[in-house]
């Protein structure tokens, strides 16, 4: 979400998740607050009224976080992924994790995960977003140093080559 905020693209992300609760665990909130101190654009994620901040508070949630923390966290990295996986594994729901280690952990533990590009392609197929809009969004994400599997201007070709535009 930080890259979406930096690139001023929270609106399309909100449209994609409309009607579904969006929860971010407290460890993600802390990461966002730290990021907002360095880049004020990230504050938009914290201020978004459609994103609920959720403390991991039950014994089950804390235990799940500790399990994913042991698996994923290294030098303060991947705390957010561990929190999202803990929340999804205990409360249900779908994670949106792009990091390879986080995606593998979700798969290993039977947690449904939709990486950002998959989510955006689903939104195109359902008519919520257009290819030109997502192409522009992807380019802005790349410019903000978000790692994507294609170069500037390459979203549509990549999506078609990977069968992500098919209904």
Protein backbone atom coordinates (compact mmCIF):
# COMPACT_ATOMS: atom_id res chain seq x y z
CA UNK A 1 0.00 0.00 0.00
CA UNK A 2 2.89 2.35 0.58
CA UNK A 3 3.81 2.35 -3.09
CA UNK A 4 0.19 2.99 -4.06
CA UNK A 5 0.15 5.98 -1.70
CA UNK A 6 3.49 7.28 -2.99
CA UNK A 7 2.19 7.06 -6.55
CA UNK A 8 -1.18 8.61 -5.56
CA UNK A 9 -3.17 5.50 -6.61
CA UNK A 10 -5.17 4.58 -3.49
CA UNK A 11 -8.46 5.33 -5.32
CA UNK A 12 -8.26 2.39 -7.75
CA UNK A 13 -7.17 0.14 -4.91
CA UNK A 14 -10.25 1.19 -2.95
CA UNK A 15 -12.45 0.43 -5.97
CA UNK A 16 -10.97 -3.06 -6.25
CA UNK A 17 -11.76 -3.95 -2.64
CA UNK A 18 -15.10 -2.12 -2.42
CA UNK A 19 -17.58 -4.11 -0.36
CA UNK A 20 -14.89 -6.20 1.32
CA UNK A 21 -13.38 -5.32 4.69
CA UNK A 22 -9.74 -4.28 4.48
CA UNK A 23 -7.90 -4.99 7.71
CA UNK A 24 -4.29 -4.23 8.44
CA UNK A 25 -2.72 -5.62 11.60
CA UNK A 26 -1.02 -3.39 14.13
CA UNK A 27 2.45 -4.42 12.94
CA UNK A 28 1.58 -3.06 9.47
CA UNK A 29 0.23 0.12 11.06
CA UNK A 30 3.56 0.57 12.86
CA UNK A 31 5.48 0.03 9.59
CA UNK A 32 3.26 2.60 7.89
CA UNK A 33 3.75 5.14 10.68
CA UNK A 34 7.50 4.72 10.41
CA UNK A 35 7.28 5.09 6.64
CA UNK A 36 5.08 8.19 6.93
CA UNK A 37 7.78 9.88 9.02
CA UNK A 38 10.10 9.52 6.02
CA UNK A 39 7.51 10.08 3.28
CA UNK A 40 4.36 12.05 4.09
CA UNK A 41 2.43 10.51 1.19
CA UNK A 42 2.21 7.24 3.14
CA UNK A 43 0.00 8.95 5.72
CA UNK A 44 -2.87 8.60 3.21
CA UNK A 45 -2.96 4.86 3.92
CA UNK A 46 -3.21 5.47 7.66
CA UNK A 47 -5.94 8.07 7.15
CA UNK A 48 -8.04 6.05 4.69
CA UNK A 49 -11.43 5.42 6.30
CA UNK A 50 -11.92 2.20 4.32
CA UNK A 51 -8.85 0.55 5.89
CA UNK A 52 -9.42 -0.80 9.39
CA UNK A 53 -6.49 -1.00 11.79
CA UNK A 54 -6.66 -4.23 13.75
CA UNK A 55 -4.58 -5.15 16.78
CA UNK A 56 -3.48 -8.76 17.01
CA UNK A 57 -4.84 -9.36 20.50
CA UNK A 58 -6.20 -12.84 21.08
CA UNK A 59 -3.93 -15.63 22.24
CA UNK A 60 -4.57 -17.41 18.93
CA UNK A 61 -3.61 -14.31 16.89
CA UNK A 62 -0.46 -13.68 18.94
CA UNK A 63 0.58 -17.34 18.64
CA UNK A 64 -0.02 -17.26 14.87
CA UNK A 65 2.03 -14.06 14.59
CA UNK A 66 4.89 -15.66 16.53
CA UNK A 67 4.79 -18.67 14.19
CA UNK A 68 4.95 -16.49 11.08
CA UNK A 69 7.50 -14.18 12.69
CA UNK A 70 9.87 -17.12 13.22
CA UNK A 71 9.35 -18.16 9.63
CA UNK A 72 9.59 -14.77 7.89
CA UNK A 73 11.09 -11.97 9.96
CA UNK A 74 14.76 -11.20 9.48
CA UNK A 75 16.34 -7.96 10.71
CA UNK A 76 12.96 -6.29 11.16
CA UNK A 77 11.87 -7.20 7.61
CA UNK A 78 8.59 -8.98 6.80
CA UNK A 79 6.86 -8.10 10.09
CA UNK A 80 3.87 -6.84 8.12
CA UNK A 81 3.67 -10.03 6.11
CA UNK A 82 3.82 -12.08 9.32
CA UNK A 83 1.02 -9.96 10.80
CA UNK A 84 -1.18 -10.22 7.72
CA UNK A 85 -0.73 -13.98 7.59
CA UNK A 86 -1.47 -14.30 11.31
CA UNK A 87 -4.67 -12.29 10.93
CA UNK A 88 -5.81 -14.23 7.86
CA UNK A 89 -5.01 -17.59 9.44
CA UNK A 90 -7.05 -16.82 12.55
CA UNK A 91 -9.84 -14.49 11.37
CA UNK A 92 -10.09 -15.71 7.79
CA UNK A 93 -9.79 -13.61 4.70
CA UNK A 94 -7.38 -13.15 1.84
CA UNK A 95 -3.93 -11.65 2.09
CA UNK A 96 -2.42 -9.36 -0.52
CA UNK A 97 1.29 -10.15 -0.31
CA UNK A 98 3.78 -9.70 -3.13
CA UNK A 99 6.95 -10.70 -1.27
CA UNK A 100 8.12 -14.17 -2.31
CA UNK A 101 8.69 -15.47 1.21
CA UNK A 102 5.26 -14.26 2.28
CA UNK A 103 3.57 -15.83 -0.75
CA UNK A 104 5.29 -19.15 -0.08
CA UNK A 105 4.26 -19.04 3.60
CA UNK A 106 0.65 -18.33 2.62
CA UNK A 107 0.64 -21.29 0.24
CA UNK A 108 2.31 -23.61 2.74
CA UNK A 109 -0.26 -22.72 5.42
CA UNK A 110 -3.31 -22.83 3.15
CA UNK A 111 -3.99 -19.09 3.27
CA UNK A 112 -5.48 -17.58 0.13
CA UNK A 113 -3.21 -14.85 -1.19
CA UNK A 114 -3.81 -12.52 -4.10
CA UNK A 115 -0.67 -10.67 -5.16
CA UNK A 116 -1.28 -7.10 -6.29
CA UNK A 117 -1.05 -7.80 -10.02
CA UNK A 118 -3.52 -10.68 -9.78
CA UNK A 119 -5.93 -8.43 -7.89
CA UNK A 120 -5.61 -5.71 -10.53
CA UNK A 121 -6.09 -8.17 -13.41
CA UNK A 122 -9.21 -9.54 -11.72
CA UNK A 123 -10.48 -5.96 -11.47
CA UNK A 124 -9.92 -5.50 -15.22
CA UNK A 125 -11.77 -8.73 -16.03
CA UNK A 126 -14.70 -7.73 -13.83
CA UNK A 127 -14.90 -4.27 -15.42
CA UNK A 128 -13.87 -2.30 -12.33
CA UNK A 129 -10.64 -1.02 -13.88
CA UNK A 130 -9.40 -0.62 -17.44
CA UNK A 131 -6.19 -1.85 -19.02
CA UNK A 132 -4.94 1.71 -19.70
CA UNK A 133 -5.60 2.69 -16.09
CA UNK A 134 -3.79 -0.34 -14.66
CA UNK A 135 -0.95 0.17 -17.16
CA UNK A 136 -0.52 3.75 -15.93
CA UNK A 137 -0.76 2.59 -12.32
CA UNK A 138 1.86 -0.12 -12.92
CA UNK A 139 4.20 2.39 -14.55
CA UNK A 140 3.83 4.76 -11.61
CA UNK A 141 4.52 1.89 -9.21
CA UNK A 142 7.69 1.03 -11.13
CA UNK A 143 8.76 4.67 -11.01
CA UNK A 144 8.25 4.60 -7.21
CA UNK A 145 10.71 1.63 -7.07
CA UNK A 146 8.05 -1.07 -6.73
CA UNK A 147 9.39 -4.27 -8.24
CA UNK A 148 7.22 -5.69 -10.99
CA UNK A 149 8.01 -8.48 -13.48
CA UNK A 150 8.03 -6.13 -16.48
CA UNK A 151 9.44 -2.78 -17.56
CA UNK A 152 7.69 0.56 -18.00
CA UNK A 153 4.89 0.17 -20.52
CA UNK A 154 5.00 -3.61 -20.26
CA UNK A 155 1.95 -4.41 -18.14
CA UNK A 156 -0.51 -5.30 -20.90
CA UNK A 157 1.91 -7.57 -22.77
CA UNK A 158 2.99 -9.26 -19.55
CA UNK A 159 -0.62 -9.83 -18.44
CA UNK A 160 -1.61 -11.29 -21.81
CA UNK A 161 1.48 -13.52 -21.98
CA UNK A 162 0.63 -14.89 -18.53
CA UNK A 163 -3.06 -15.43 -19.28
CA UNK A 164 -4.16 -12.90 -16.69
CA UNK A 165 -6.44 -10.97 -19.03
CA UNK A 166 -8.53 -13.99 -19.99
CA UNK A 167 -11.95 -14.33 -18.41
